[in-house]
């Protein structure tokens, strides 16, 4: 099992609109690709929030092939959707992790 983690720091100016978009549109769009089995959406605590809060979304993926499909076929458009709506009011980084039992 792999976890595709996306961590995003959001400017306070867009926080409410961004949260609504994430919960009502973006997360559904990502899950509709059928590349992930589930996700977890969290807010980081005990960090500096002067410029805005930080969130993480962890998407669970059963194979590297499905992850690669997502990255190659779906990610560019879905990332662009966020940029088109919120411009430079957020910054994110992504990582791929392997679940160890």
N, C-alpha and C. Protein backbone atom coordinates (compact mmCIF):
# COMPACT_ATOMS: atom_id res chain seq x y z
N UNK A 1 0.85 -1.18 0.00
CA UNK A 1 0.00 0.00 0.00
C UNK A 1 0.89 1.23 0.00
N UNK A 2 0.52 2.20 -0.83
CA UNK A 2 1.22 3.48 -0.90
C UNK A 2 0.31 4.59 -0.40
N UNK A 3 0.92 5.63 0.12
CA UNK A 3 0.19 6.84 0.48
C UNK A 3 0.80 8.00 -0.28
N UNK A 4 -0.04 8.67 -1.05
CA UNK A 4 0.34 9.90 -1.75
C UNK A 4 -0.09 11.05 -0.85
N UNK A 5 0.88 11.74 -0.28
CA UNK A 5 0.61 12.81 0.68
C UNK A 5 0.79 14.17 0.01
N UNK A 6 -0.22 15.02 0.17
CA UNK A 6 -0.15 16.39 -0.34
C UNK A 6 -0.33 17.31 0.85
N UNK A 7 0.69 18.12 1.14
CA UNK A 7 0.65 19.08 2.23
C UNK A 7 0.55 20.48 1.63
N UNK A 8 -0.42 21.26 2.13
CA UNK A 8 -0.70 22.57 1.52
C UNK A 8 -0.86 23.62 2.62
N UNK A 9 -0.09 24.70 2.48
CA UNK A 9 -0.26 25.87 3.35
C UNK A 9 -1.10 26.88 2.59
N UNK A 10 -2.21 27.29 3.19
CA UNK A 10 -3.20 28.15 2.54
C UNK A 10 -3.20 29.53 3.18
N UNK A 11 -3.23 30.56 2.36
CA UNK A 11 -3.33 31.93 2.85
C UNK A 11 -4.70 32.12 3.50
N UNK A 12 -4.74 32.85 4.62
CA UNK A 12 -6.01 33.09 5.31
C UNK A 12 -7.06 33.70 4.38
N UNK A 13 -6.63 34.49 3.42
CA UNK A 13 -7.56 35.19 2.52
C UNK A 13 -8.46 34.21 1.76
N UNK A 14 -7.94 33.05 1.43
CA UNK A 14 -8.71 32.08 0.64
C UNK A 14 -9.15 30.86 1.45
N UNK A 15 -8.80 30.80 2.72
CA UNK A 15 -9.01 29.58 3.50
C UNK A 15 -10.43 29.03 3.40
N UNK A 16 -11.43 29.84 3.65
CA UNK A 16 -12.81 29.34 3.66
C UNK A 16 -13.24 28.83 2.29
N UNK A 17 -12.93 29.60 1.25
CA UNK A 17 -13.30 29.18 -0.11
C UNK A 17 -12.52 27.94 -0.52
N UNK A 18 -11.25 27.88 -0.14
CA UNK A 18 -10.43 26.72 -0.49
C UNK A 18 -10.95 25.46 0.19
N UNK A 19 -11.27 25.57 1.50
CA UNK A 19 -11.81 24.42 2.23
C UNK A 19 -13.09 23.91 1.59
N UNK A 20 -13.98 24.83 1.24
CA UNK A 20 -15.24 24.45 0.61
C UNK A 20 -14.97 23.74 -0.72
N UNK A 21 -14.08 24.29 -1.53
CA UNK A 21 -13.72 23.68 -2.82
C UNK A 21 -13.12 22.29 -2.62
N UNK A 22 -12.23 22.17 -1.65
CA UNK A 22 -11.62 20.86 -1.39
C UNK A 22 -12.69 19.84 -1.02
N UNK A 23 -13.56 20.19 -0.09
CA UNK A 23 -14.53 19.24 0.43
C UNK A 23 -15.67 18.96 -0.54
N UNK A 24 -16.04 19.93 -1.35
CA UNK A 24 -17.19 19.75 -2.24
C UNK A 24 -16.81 19.37 -3.67
N UNK A 25 -15.57 19.63 -4.07
CA UNK A 25 -15.21 19.40 -5.48
C UNK A 25 -13.93 18.57 -5.64
N UNK A 26 -12.82 19.10 -5.15
CA UNK A 26 -11.52 18.52 -5.47
C UNK A 26 -11.35 17.08 -4.97
N UNK A 27 -11.68 16.83 -3.72
CA UNK A 27 -11.50 15.47 -3.19
C UNK A 27 -12.35 14.47 -3.96
N UNK A 28 -13.54 14.86 -4.33
CA UNK A 28 -14.40 14.00 -5.15
C UNK A 28 -13.78 13.76 -6.51
N UNK A 29 -13.25 14.81 -7.13
CA UNK A 29 -12.61 14.67 -8.44
C UNK A 29 -11.43 13.69 -8.39
N UNK A 30 -10.62 13.80 -7.33
CA UNK A 30 -9.48 12.90 -7.19
C UNK A 30 -9.96 11.47 -7.01
N UNK A 31 -10.92 11.27 -6.14
CA UNK A 31 -11.41 9.91 -5.89
C UNK A 31 -12.12 9.33 -7.11
N UNK A 32 -12.72 10.17 -7.92
CA UNK A 32 -13.40 9.70 -9.14
C UNK A 32 -12.42 9.15 -10.18
N UNK A 33 -11.12 9.38 -10.01
CA UNK A 33 -10.14 8.79 -10.93
C UNK A 33 -10.01 7.29 -10.71
N UNK A 34 -10.49 6.81 -9.59
CA UNK A 34 -10.39 5.39 -9.20
C UNK A 34 -8.95 4.92 -9.01
N UNK A 35 -8.05 5.85 -8.79
CA UNK A 35 -6.65 5.50 -8.53
C UNK A 35 -6.38 5.27 -7.04
N UNK A 36 -7.29 5.73 -6.19
CA UNK A 36 -7.09 5.65 -4.75
C UNK A 36 -8.29 4.95 -4.10
N UNK A 37 -8.04 4.25 -3.01
CA UNK A 37 -9.10 3.53 -2.33
C UNK A 37 -9.79 4.36 -1.25
N UNK A 38 -9.05 5.29 -0.66
CA UNK A 38 -9.61 6.18 0.36
C UNK A 38 -8.66 7.35 0.55
N UNK A 39 -9.13 8.32 1.33
CA UNK A 39 -8.27 9.46 1.66
C UNK A 39 -8.54 9.89 3.09
N UNK A 40 -7.61 10.69 3.59
CA UNK A 40 -7.74 11.30 4.91
C UNK A 40 -7.35 12.77 4.76
N UNK A 41 -8.19 13.68 5.23
CA UNK A 41 -7.97 15.12 5.11
C UNK A 41 -7.80 15.67 6.52
N UNK A 42 -6.63 16.24 6.80
CA UNK A 42 -6.32 16.69 8.16
C UNK A 42 -5.74 18.11 8.15
N UNK A 43 -5.85 18.75 9.30
CA UNK A 43 -5.23 20.05 9.51
C UNK A 43 -4.08 19.86 10.49
N UNK A 44 -2.91 20.40 10.16
CA UNK A 44 -1.77 20.30 11.04
C UNK A 44 -1.97 21.24 12.23
N UNK A 45 -1.57 20.77 13.40
CA UNK A 45 -1.70 21.53 14.63
C UNK A 45 -0.33 21.88 15.18
N UNK A 46 -0.32 22.84 16.07
CA UNK A 46 0.89 23.26 16.77
C UNK A 46 1.99 23.72 15.82
N UNK A 47 1.57 24.46 14.79
CA UNK A 47 2.52 25.07 13.86
C UNK A 47 2.16 26.55 13.71
N UNK A 48 3.06 27.32 13.16
CA UNK A 48 2.83 28.75 12.95
C UNK A 48 1.74 28.94 11.89
N UNK A 49 0.66 29.59 12.29
CA UNK A 49 -0.45 29.86 11.37
C UNK A 49 -0.61 31.35 11.07
N UNK A 50 0.43 32.12 11.29
CA UNK A 50 0.33 33.56 11.06
C UNK A 50 -0.11 33.86 9.62
N UNK A 51 0.47 33.17 8.66
CA UNK A 51 0.13 33.40 7.25
C UNK A 51 -1.04 32.54 6.79
N UNK A 52 -1.38 31.52 7.56
CA UNK A 52 -2.49 30.66 7.20
C UNK A 52 -2.29 29.25 7.73
N UNK A 53 -3.35 28.46 7.70
CA UNK A 53 -3.28 27.08 8.18
C UNK A 53 -2.62 26.15 7.16
N UNK A 54 -2.21 24.99 7.66
CA UNK A 54 -1.61 23.96 6.81
C UNK A 54 -2.45 22.70 6.92
N UNK A 55 -2.70 22.11 5.78
CA UNK A 55 -3.51 20.88 5.68
C UNK A 55 -2.70 19.79 5.00
N UNK A 56 -3.10 18.55 5.23
CA UNK A 56 -2.51 17.42 4.52
C UNK A 56 -3.64 16.51 4.07
N UNK A 57 -3.48 15.99 2.88
CA UNK A 57 -4.40 15.00 2.35
C UNK A 57 -3.59 13.77 2.03
N UNK A 58 -4.00 12.65 2.57
CA UNK A 58 -3.31 11.38 2.34
C UNK A 58 -4.24 10.48 1.54
N UNK A 59 -3.82 10.19 0.31
CA UNK A 59 -4.58 9.33 -0.59
C UNK A 59 -3.95 7.94 -0.57
N UNK A 60 -4.74 6.93 -0.33
CA UNK A 60 -4.25 5.55 -0.24
C UNK A 60 -4.37 4.86 -1.59
N UNK A 61 -3.27 4.25 -2.02
CA UNK A 61 -3.17 3.69 -3.36
C UNK A 61 -2.65 2.26 -3.27
N UNK A 62 -3.27 1.36 -4.03
CA UNK A 62 -2.90 -0.05 -3.93
C UNK A 62 -1.65 -0.43 -4.73
N UNK A 63 -1.24 0.41 -5.69
CA UNK A 63 -0.07 0.03 -6.49
C UNK A 63 0.63 1.26 -7.06
N UNK A 64 1.89 1.06 -7.38
CA UNK A 64 2.67 2.12 -8.03
C UNK A 64 2.10 2.42 -9.41
N UNK A 65 1.56 1.40 -10.08
CA UNK A 65 0.97 1.61 -11.41
C UNK A 65 -0.23 2.56 -11.33
N UNK A 66 -1.07 2.40 -10.32
CA UNK A 66 -2.21 3.31 -10.16
C UNK A 66 -1.75 4.72 -9.80
N UNK A 67 -0.75 4.82 -8.95
CA UNK A 67 -0.18 6.13 -8.63
C UNK A 67 0.36 6.79 -9.89
N UNK A 68 1.13 6.04 -10.68
CA UNK A 68 1.69 6.59 -11.92
C UNK A 68 0.59 7.03 -12.87
N UNK A 69 -0.48 6.25 -12.97
CA UNK A 69 -1.61 6.63 -13.81
C UNK A 69 -2.19 7.96 -13.36
N UNK A 70 -2.37 8.11 -12.06
CA UNK A 70 -2.90 9.37 -11.53
C UNK A 70 -1.97 10.53 -11.88
N UNK A 71 -0.70 10.38 -11.61
CA UNK A 71 0.27 11.46 -11.84
C UNK A 71 0.34 11.84 -13.32
N UNK A 72 0.31 10.87 -14.19
CA UNK A 72 0.46 11.14 -15.62
C UNK A 72 -0.83 11.61 -16.29
N UNK A 73 -1.96 11.02 -15.91
CA UNK A 73 -3.21 11.29 -16.62
C UNK A 73 -4.09 12.35 -15.95
N UNK A 74 -4.14 12.36 -14.63
CA UNK A 74 -5.12 13.20 -13.94
C UNK A 74 -4.53 14.39 -13.18
N UNK A 75 -3.36 14.21 -12.59
CA UNK A 75 -2.80 15.25 -11.71
C UNK A 75 -2.61 16.61 -12.38
N UNK A 76 -2.10 16.67 -13.61
CA UNK A 76 -1.87 18.00 -14.19
C UNK A 76 -3.13 18.88 -14.23
N UNK A 77 -4.25 18.32 -14.67
CA UNK A 77 -5.48 19.11 -14.75
C UNK A 77 -6.01 19.45 -13.35
N UNK A 78 -5.99 18.48 -12.45
CA UNK A 78 -6.51 18.74 -11.11
C UNK A 78 -5.67 19.77 -10.37
N UNK A 79 -4.37 19.75 -10.57
CA UNK A 79 -3.50 20.79 -9.97
C UNK A 79 -3.80 22.15 -10.58
N UNK A 80 -3.98 22.17 -11.89
CA UNK A 80 -4.26 23.43 -12.59
C UNK A 80 -5.57 24.04 -12.12
N UNK A 81 -6.56 23.21 -11.83
CA UNK A 81 -7.84 23.71 -11.32
C UNK A 81 -7.63 24.56 -10.07
N UNK A 82 -6.80 24.09 -9.15
CA UNK A 82 -6.52 24.84 -7.93
C UNK A 82 -5.78 26.13 -8.20
N UNK A 83 -4.83 26.08 -9.11
CA UNK A 83 -4.08 27.28 -9.47
C UNK A 83 -4.99 28.30 -10.12
N UNK A 84 -5.87 27.85 -11.01
CA UNK A 84 -6.80 28.76 -11.68
C UNK A 84 -7.72 29.46 -10.68
N UNK A 85 -8.14 28.76 -9.66
CA UNK A 85 -9.06 29.33 -8.67
C UNK A 85 -8.37 30.18 -7.61
N UNK A 86 -7.18 29.77 -7.18
CA UNK A 86 -6.58 30.39 -6.01
C UNK A 86 -5.20 30.99 -6.25
N UNK A 87 -4.76 30.96 -7.49
CA UNK A 87 -3.49 31.58 -7.91
C UNK A 87 -2.35 31.23 -6.96
N UNK A 88 -1.66 32.24 -6.48
CA UNK A 88 -0.48 32.01 -5.65
C UNK A 88 -0.78 32.17 -4.16
N UNK A 89 -2.01 31.89 -3.77
CA UNK A 89 -2.40 32.01 -2.36
C UNK A 89 -2.24 30.72 -1.57
N UNK A 90 -1.51 29.78 -2.12
CA UNK A 90 -1.22 28.54 -1.40
C UNK A 90 0.10 27.98 -1.93
N UNK A 91 0.70 27.15 -1.13
CA UNK A 91 1.91 26.47 -1.54
C UNK A 91 1.80 25.02 -1.05
N UNK A 92 2.25 24.11 -1.88
CA UNK A 92 2.13 22.71 -1.50
C UNK A 92 3.36 21.91 -1.85
N UNK A 93 3.48 20.79 -1.20
CA UNK A 93 4.50 19.83 -1.60
C UNK A 93 3.90 18.44 -1.47
N UNK A 94 4.44 17.55 -2.26
CA UNK A 94 3.90 16.20 -2.36
C UNK A 94 4.98 15.17 -2.05
N UNK A 95 4.54 14.06 -1.48
CA UNK A 95 5.47 12.96 -1.22
C UNK A 95 4.72 11.64 -1.38
N UNK A 96 5.47 10.63 -1.72
CA UNK A 96 4.94 9.28 -1.86
C UNK A 96 5.56 8.43 -0.76
N UNK A 97 4.71 7.71 -0.03
CA UNK A 97 5.18 6.92 1.09
C UNK A 97 4.69 5.49 0.93
N UNK A 98 5.47 4.57 1.46
CA UNK A 98 5.10 3.16 1.46
C UNK A 98 4.69 2.78 2.87
N UNK A 99 3.54 2.11 2.99
CA UNK A 99 3.07 1.64 4.29
C UNK A 99 3.86 0.37 4.64
N UNK A 100 4.46 0.36 5.82
CA UNK A 100 5.20 -0.79 6.30
C UNK A 100 4.41 -1.43 7.43
N UNK A 101 4.22 -2.70 7.36
CA UNK A 101 3.47 -3.40 8.42
C UNK A 101 4.44 -4.05 9.39
